[in-house]
Amino acid sequence: MASLIRVPLATALLVSLFACGAKEEPTGVLPQGHLDALDKTKDVENVLQDAHKKQLEGIDTQG
């Protein structure tokens, strides 16, 4: 009786896994919008690092 329940559940699980797998994008491929956002965050990070360096230089000259 238990095997009668397990077989349909296992079949449903396998079917759902195969259905999900077919829709995945290839590994390592990022959409252009994501790449653009990463570039913008790198620019923001550089601006923040420059501002931090200037602030530290200002503290050094005052102290």
PDB file of N, CA and C in Angstrom:
ATOM      1  N   MET A   1       0.820  -1.194   0.000  1.00  0.00           N
ATOM      2  CA  MET A   1       0.000   0.000   0.000  1.00  0.00           C
ATOM      3  C   MET A   1       0.869   1.264   0.000  1.00  0.00           C
ATOM      4  N   ALA A   2       1.954   1.227   0.776  1.00  0.00           N
ATOM      5  CA  ALA A   2       2.823   2.394   0.838  1.00  0.00           C
ATOM      6  C   ALA A   2       3.497   2.651  -0.500  1.00  0.00           C
ATOM      7  N   SER A   3       3.813   1.573  -1.235  1.00  0.00           N
ATOM      8  CA  SER A   3       4.455   1.758  -2.538  1.00  0.00           C
ATOM      9  C   SER A   3       3.491   2.378  -3.544  1.00  0.00           C
ATOM     10  N   LEU A   4       2.212   2.162  -3.371  1.00  0.00           N
ATOM     11  CA  LEU A   4       1.227   2.784  -4.253  1.00  0.00           C
ATOM     12  C   LEU A   4       1.194   4.298  -4.071  1.00  0.00           C
ATOM     13  N   ILE A   5       1.546   4.756  -2.897  1.00  0.00           N
ATOM     14  CA  ILE A   5       1.585   6.195  -2.633  1.00  0.00           C
ATOM     15  C   ILE A   5       2.926   6.773  -3.082  1.00  0.00           C
ATOM     16  N   ARG A   6       3.997   6.029  -2.906  1.00  0.00           N
ATOM     17  CA  ARG A   6       5.344   6.535  -3.219  1.00  0.00           C
ATOM     18  C   ARG A   6       5.576   6.709  -4.712  1.00  0.00           C
ATOM     19  N   VAL A   7       5.061   5.824  -5.520  1.00  0.00           N
ATOM     20  CA  VAL A   7       5.311   5.876  -6.966  1.00  0.00           C
ATOM     21  C   VAL A   7       4.744   7.158  -7.577  1.00  0.00           C
ATOM     22  N   PRO A   8       3.489   7.509  -7.331  1.00  0.00           N
ATOM     23  CA  PRO A   8       2.990   8.775  -7.906  1.00  0.00           C
ATOM     24  C   PRO A   8       3.710  10.003  -7.348  1.00  0.00           C
ATOM     25  N   LEU A   9       4.082   9.961  -6.066  1.00  0.00           N
ATOM     26  CA  LEU A   9       4.806  11.097  -5.495  1.00  0.00           C
ATOM     27  C   LEU A   9       6.175  11.242  -6.127  1.00  0.00           C
ATOM     28  N   ALA A  10       6.870  10.135  -6.308  1.00  0.00           N
ATOM     29  CA  ALA A  10       8.190  10.181  -6.939  1.00  0.00           C
ATOM     30  C   ALA A  10       8.079  10.653  -8.384  1.00  0.00           C
ATOM     31  N   THR A  11       7.066  10.186  -9.083  1.00  0.00           N
ATOM     32  CA  THR A  11       6.853  10.606 -10.466  1.00  0.00           C
ATOM     33  C   THR A  11       6.560  12.107 -10.540  1.00  0.00           C
ATOM     34  N   ALA A  12       5.714  12.595  -9.652  1.00  0.00           N
ATOM     35  CA  ALA A  12       5.393  14.025  -9.639  1.00  0.00           C
ATOM     36  C   ALA A  12       6.629  14.853  -9.324  1.00  0.00           C
ATOM     37  N   LEU A  13       7.455  14.375  -8.408  1.00  0.00           N
ATOM     38  CA  LEU A  13       8.684  15.092  -8.060  1.00  0.00           C
ATOM     39  C   LEU A  13       9.635  15.151  -9.243  1.00  0.00           C
ATOM     40  N   LEU A  14       9.834  14.030  -9.923  1.00  0.00           N
ATOM     41  CA  LEU A  14      10.721  14.005 -11.086  1.00  0.00           C
ATOM     42  C   LEU A  14      10.218  14.902 -12.210  1.00  0.00           C
ATOM     43  N   VAL A  15       8.929  14.878 -12.460  1.00  0.00           N
ATOM     44  CA  VAL A  15       8.357  15.723 -13.515  1.00  0.00           C
ATOM     45  C   VAL A  15       8.552  17.194 -13.185  1.00  0.00           C
ATOM     46  N   SER A  16       8.336  17.562 -11.935  1.00  0.00           N
ATOM     47  CA  SER A  16       8.499  18.964 -11.557  1.00  0.00           C
ATOM     48  C   SER A  16       9.957  19.385 -11.630  1.00  0.00           C
ATOM     49  N   LEU A  17      10.888  18.502 -11.286  1.00  0.00           N
ATOM     50  CA  LEU A  17      12.310  18.834 -11.390  1.00  0.00           C
ATOM     51  C   LEU A  17      12.737  19.018 -12.835  1.00  0.00           C
ATOM     52  N   PHE A  18      12.276  18.156 -13.724  1.00  0.00           N
ATOM     53  CA  PHE A  18      12.613  18.299 -15.136  1.00  0.00           C
ATOM     54  C   PHE A  18      11.996  19.563 -15.722  1.00  0.00           C
ATOM     55  N   ALA A  19      10.809  19.916 -15.300  1.00  0.00           N
ATOM     56  CA  ALA A  19      10.157  21.122 -15.807  1.00  0.00           C
ATOM     57  C   ALA A  19      10.908  22.368 -15.366  1.00  0.00           C
ATOM     58  N   CYS A  20      11.395  22.374 -14.151  1.00  0.00           N
ATOM     59  CA  CYS A  20      12.144  23.529 -13.650  1.00  0.00           C
ATOM     60  C   CYS A  20      13.511  23.630 -14.313  1.00  0.00           C
ATOM     61  N   GLY A  21      14.134  22.515 -14.560  1.00  0.00           N
ATOM     62  CA  GLY A  21      15.470  22.501 -15.143  1.00  0.00           C
ATOM     63  C   GLY A  21      15.512  23.025 -16.562  1.00  0.00           C
ATOM     64  N   ALA A  22      14.454  22.856 -17.309  1.00  0.00           N
ATOM     65  CA  ALA A  22      14.443  23.277 -18.703  1.00  0.00           C
ATOM     66  C   ALA A  22      14.405  24.790 -18.845  1.00  0.00           C
ATOM     67  N   LYS A  23      13.930  25.502 -17.849  1.00  0.00           N
ATOM     68  CA  LYS A  23      13.773  26.947 -17.949  1.00  0.00           C
ATOM     69  C   LYS A  23      14.994  27.720 -17.469  1.00  0.00           C
ATOM     70  N   GLU A  24      15.990  27.044 -16.904  1.00  0.00           N
ATOM     71  CA  GLU A  24      17.150  27.736 -16.357  1.00  0.00           C
ATOM     72  C   GLU A  24      18.021  28.300 -17.463  1.00  0.00           C
ATOM     73  N   GLU A  25      18.659  29.426 -17.163  1.00  0.00           N
ATOM     74  CA  GLU A  25      19.598  30.019 -18.093  1.00  0.00           C
ATOM     75  C   GLU A  25      20.956  29.345 -17.921  1.00  0.00           C
ATOM     76  N   PRO A  26      21.795  29.400 -18.926  1.00  0.00           N
ATOM     77  CA  PRO A  26      23.123  28.812 -18.791  1.00  0.00           C
ATOM     78  C   PRO A  26      23.912  29.468 -17.653  1.00  0.00           C
ATOM     79  N   THR A  27      24.751  28.693 -17.001  1.00  0.00           N
ATOM     80  CA  THR A  27      25.554  29.205 -15.892  1.00  0.00           C
ATOM     81  C   THR A  27      26.549  30.224 -16.409  1.00  0.00           C
ATOM     82  N   GLY A  28      26.718  31.312 -15.669  1.00  0.00           N
ATOM     83  CA  GLY A  28      27.702  32.322 -16.027  1.00  0.00           C
ATOM     84  C   GLY A  28      27.170  33.412 -16.934  1.00  0.00           C
ATOM     85  N   VAL A  29      25.931  33.343 -17.318  1.00  0.00           N
ATOM     86  CA  VAL A  29      25.364  34.353 -18.211  1.00  0.00           C
ATOM     87  C   VAL A  29      24.503  35.288 -17.378  1.00  0.00           C
ATOM     88  N   LEU A  30      24.875  36.578 -17.382  1.00  0.00           N
ATOM     89  CA  LEU A  30      24.113  37.582 -16.646  1.00  0.00           C
ATOM     90  C   LEU A  30      23.404  38.490 -17.636  1.00  0.00           C
ATOM     91  N   PRO A  31      22.170  38.852 -17.352  1.00  0.00           N
ATOM     92  CA  PRO A  31      21.471  39.799 -18.228  1.00  0.00           C
ATOM     93  C   PRO A  31      22.184  41.157 -18.239  1.00  0.00           C
ATOM     94  N   GLN A  32      22.045  41.876 -19.317  1.00  0.00           N
ATOM     95  CA  GLN A  32      22.734  43.155 -19.476  1.00  0.00           C
ATOM     96  C   GLN A  32      22.338  44.142 -18.378  1.00  0.00           C
ATOM     97  N   GLY A  33      21.092  44.122 -17.954  1.00  0.00           N
ATOM     98  CA  GLY A  33      20.654  45.022 -16.895  1.00  0.00           C
ATOM     99  C   GLY A  33      21.411  44.779 -15.595  1.00  0.00           C
ATOM    100  N   HIS A  34      21.685  43.519 -15.294  1.00  0.00           N
ATOM    101  CA  HIS A  34      22.453  43.197 -14.095  1.00  0.00           C
ATOM    102  C   HIS A  34      23.901  43.677 -14.226  1.00  0.00           C
ATOM    103  N   LEU A  35      24.476  43.518 -15.415  1.00  0.00           N
ATOM    104  CA  LEU A  35      25.849  43.979 -15.635  1.00  0.00           C
ATOM    105  C   LEU A  35      25.937  45.499 -15.512  1.00  0.00           C
ATOM    106  N   ASP A  36      24.929  46.207 -16.023  1.00  0.00           N
ATOM    107  CA  ASP A  36      24.908  47.663 -15.909  1.00  0.00           C
ATOM    108  C   ASP A  36      24.817  48.088 -14.444  1.00  0.00           C
ATOM    109  N   ALA A  37      23.993  47.387 -13.679  1.00  0.00           N
ATOM    110  CA  ALA A  37      23.862  47.703 -12.255  1.00  0.00           C
ATOM    111  C   ALA A  37      25.170  47.447 -11.517  1.00  0.00           C
ATOM    112  N   LEU A  38      25.869  46.388 -11.871  1.00  0.00           N
ATOM    113  CA  LEU A  38      27.169  46.117 -11.245  1.00  0.00           C
ATOM    114  C   LEU A  38      28.176  47.212 -11.567  1.00  0.00           C
ATOM    115  N   ASP A  39      28.171  47.689 -12.803  1.00  0.00           N
ATOM    116  CA  ASP A  39      29.074  48.781 -13.180  1.00  0.00           C
ATOM    117  C   ASP A  39      28.768  50.044 -12.377  1.00  0.00           C
ATOM    118  N   LYS A  40      27.494  50.346 -12.192  1.00  0.00           N
ATOM    119  CA  LYS A  40      27.118  51.531 -11.419  1.00  0.00           C
ATOM    120  C   LYS A  40      27.559  51.399  -9.968  1.00  0.00           C
ATOM    121  N   THR A  41      27.418  50.205  -9.402  1.00  0.00           N
ATOM    122  CA  THR A  41      27.829  50.033  -8.006  1.00  0.00           C
ATOM    123  C   THR A  41      29.335  50.145  -7.861  1.00  0.00           C
ATOM    124  N   LYS A  42      30.073  49.703  -8.872  1.00  0.00           N
ATOM    125  CA  LYS A  42      31.535  49.861  -8.830  1.00  0.00           C
ATOM    126  C   LYS A  42      31.903  51.340  -8.865  1.00  0.00           C
ATOM    127  N   ASP A  43      31.181  52.115  -9.691  1.00  0.00           N
ATOM    128  CA  ASP A  43      31.432  53.557  -9.752  1.00  0.00           C
ATOM    129  C   ASP A  43      31.136  54.220  -8.405  1.00  0.00           C
ATOM    130  N   VAL A  44      30.035  53.845  -7.787  1.00  0.00           N
ATOM    131  CA  VAL A  44      29.677  54.407  -6.482  1.00  0.00           C
ATOM    132  C   VAL A  44      30.715  54.024  -5.438  1.00  0.00           C
ATOM    133  N   GLU A  45      31.182  52.785  -5.490  1.00  0.00           N
ATOM    134  CA  GLU A  45      32.196  52.343  -4.537  1.00  0.00           C
ATOM    135  C   GLU A  45      33.483  53.152  -4.697  1.00  0.00           C
ATOM    136  N   ASN A  46      33.870  53.417  -5.941  1.00  0.00           N
ATOM    137  CA  ASN A  46      35.077  54.216  -6.177  1.00  0.00           C
ATOM    138  C   ASN A  46      34.918  55.634  -5.645  1.00  0.00           C
ATOM    139  N   VAL A  47      33.749  56.222  -5.832  1.00  0.00           N
ATOM    140  CA  VAL A  47      33.508  57.576  -5.329  1.00  0.00           C
ATOM    141  C   VAL A  47      33.580  57.591  -3.803  1.00  0.00           C
ATOM    142  N   LEU A  48      32.990  56.590  -3.169  1.00  0.00           N
ATOM    143  CA  LEU A  48      33.028  56.521  -1.709  1.00  0.00           C
ATOM    144  C   LEU A  48      34.449  56.309  -1.189  1.00  0.00           C
ATOM    145  N   GLN A  49      35.218  55.486  -1.876  1.00  0.00           N
ATOM    146  CA  GLN A  49      36.605  55.271  -1.460  1.00  0.00           C
ATOM    147  C   GLN A  49      37.424  56.545  -1.606  1.00  0.00           C
ATOM    148  N   ASP A  50      37.219  57.285  -2.681  1.00  0.00           N
ATOM    149  CA  ASP A  50      37.928  58.555  -2.869  1.00  0.00           C
ATOM    150  C   ASP A  50      37.556  59.553  -1.783  1.00  0.00           C
ATOM    151  N   ALA A  51      36.269  59.620  -1.463  1.00  0.00           N
ATOM    152  CA  ALA A  51      35.828  60.535  -0.412  1.00  0.00           C
ATOM    153  C   ALA A  51      36.428  60.141   0.934  1.00  0.00           C
ATOM    154  N   HIS A  52      36.524  58.867   1.191  1.00  0.00           N
ATOM    155  CA  HIS A  52      37.104  58.385   2.450  1.00  0.00           C
ATOM    156  C   HIS A  52      38.586  58.733   2.526  1.00  0.00           C
ATOM    157  N   LYS A  53      39.305  58.576   1.427  1.00  0.00           N
ATOM    158  CA  LYS A  53      40.729  58.929   1.402  1.00  0.00           C
ATOM    159  C   LYS A  53      40.921  60.425   1.659  1.00  0.00           C
ATOM    160  N   LYS A  54      40.088  61.248   1.031  1.00  0.00           N
ATOM    161  CA  LYS A  54      40.185  62.696   1.228  1.00  0.00           C
ATOM    162  C   LYS A  54      39.890  63.063   2.675  1.00  0.00           C
ATOM    163  N   GLN A  55      38.899  62.381   3.273  1.00  0.00           N
ATOM    164  CA  GLN A  55      38.566  62.651   4.665  1.00  0.00           C
ATOM    165  C   GLN A  55      39.731  62.267   5.569  1.00  0.00           C
ATOM    166  N   LEU A  56      40.361  61.142   5.313  1.00  0.00           N
ATOM    167  CA  LEU A  56      41.506  60.723   6.117  1.00  0.00           C
ATOM    168  C   LEU A  56      42.684  61.673   5.949  1.00  0.00           C
ATOM    169  N   GLU A  57      42.896  62.153   4.740  1.00  0.00           N
ATOM    170  CA  GLU A  57      43.970  63.117   4.500  1.00  0.00           C
ATOM    171  C   GLU A  57      43.697  64.414   5.249  1.00  0.00           C
ATOM    172  N   GLY A  58      42.438  64.827   5.293  1.00  0.00           N
ATOM    173  CA  GLY A  58      42.069  66.025   6.015  1.00  0.00           C
ATOM    174  C   GLY A  58      42.311  65.866   7.503  1.00  0.00           C
ATOM    175  N   ILE A  59      42.030  64.694   8.032  1.00  0.00           N
ATOM    176  CA  ILE A  59      42.265  64.437   9.454  1.00  0.00           C
ATOM    177  C   ILE A  59      43.771  64.449   9.745  1.00  0.00           C
ATOM    178  N   ASP A  60      44.549  63.880   8.845  1.00  0.00           N
ATOM    179  CA  ASP A  60      45.995  63.841   9.047  1.00  0.00           C
ATOM    180  C   ASP A  60      46.609  65.230   9.039  1.00  0.00           C
ATOM    181  N   THR A  61      46.126  66.111   8.170  1.00  0.00           N
ATOM    182  CA  THR A  61      46.684  67.464   8.099  1.00  0.00           C
ATOM    183  C   THR A  61      46.247  68.317   9.271  1.00  0.00           C
ATOM    184  N   GLN A  62      45.067  68.031   9.848  1.00  0.00           N
ATOM    185  CA  GLN A  62      44.588  68.789  10.982  1.00  0.00           C
ATOM    186  C   GLN A  62      45.268  68.340  12.276  1.00  0.00           C
ATOM    187  N   GLY A  63      45.583  67.074  12.372  1.00  0.00           N
ATOM    188  CA  GLY A  63      46.112  66.498  13.604  1.00  0.00           C
ATOM    189  C   GLY A  63      47.549  66.632  13.741  1.00  0.00           C
TER     190      GLY A  63
END
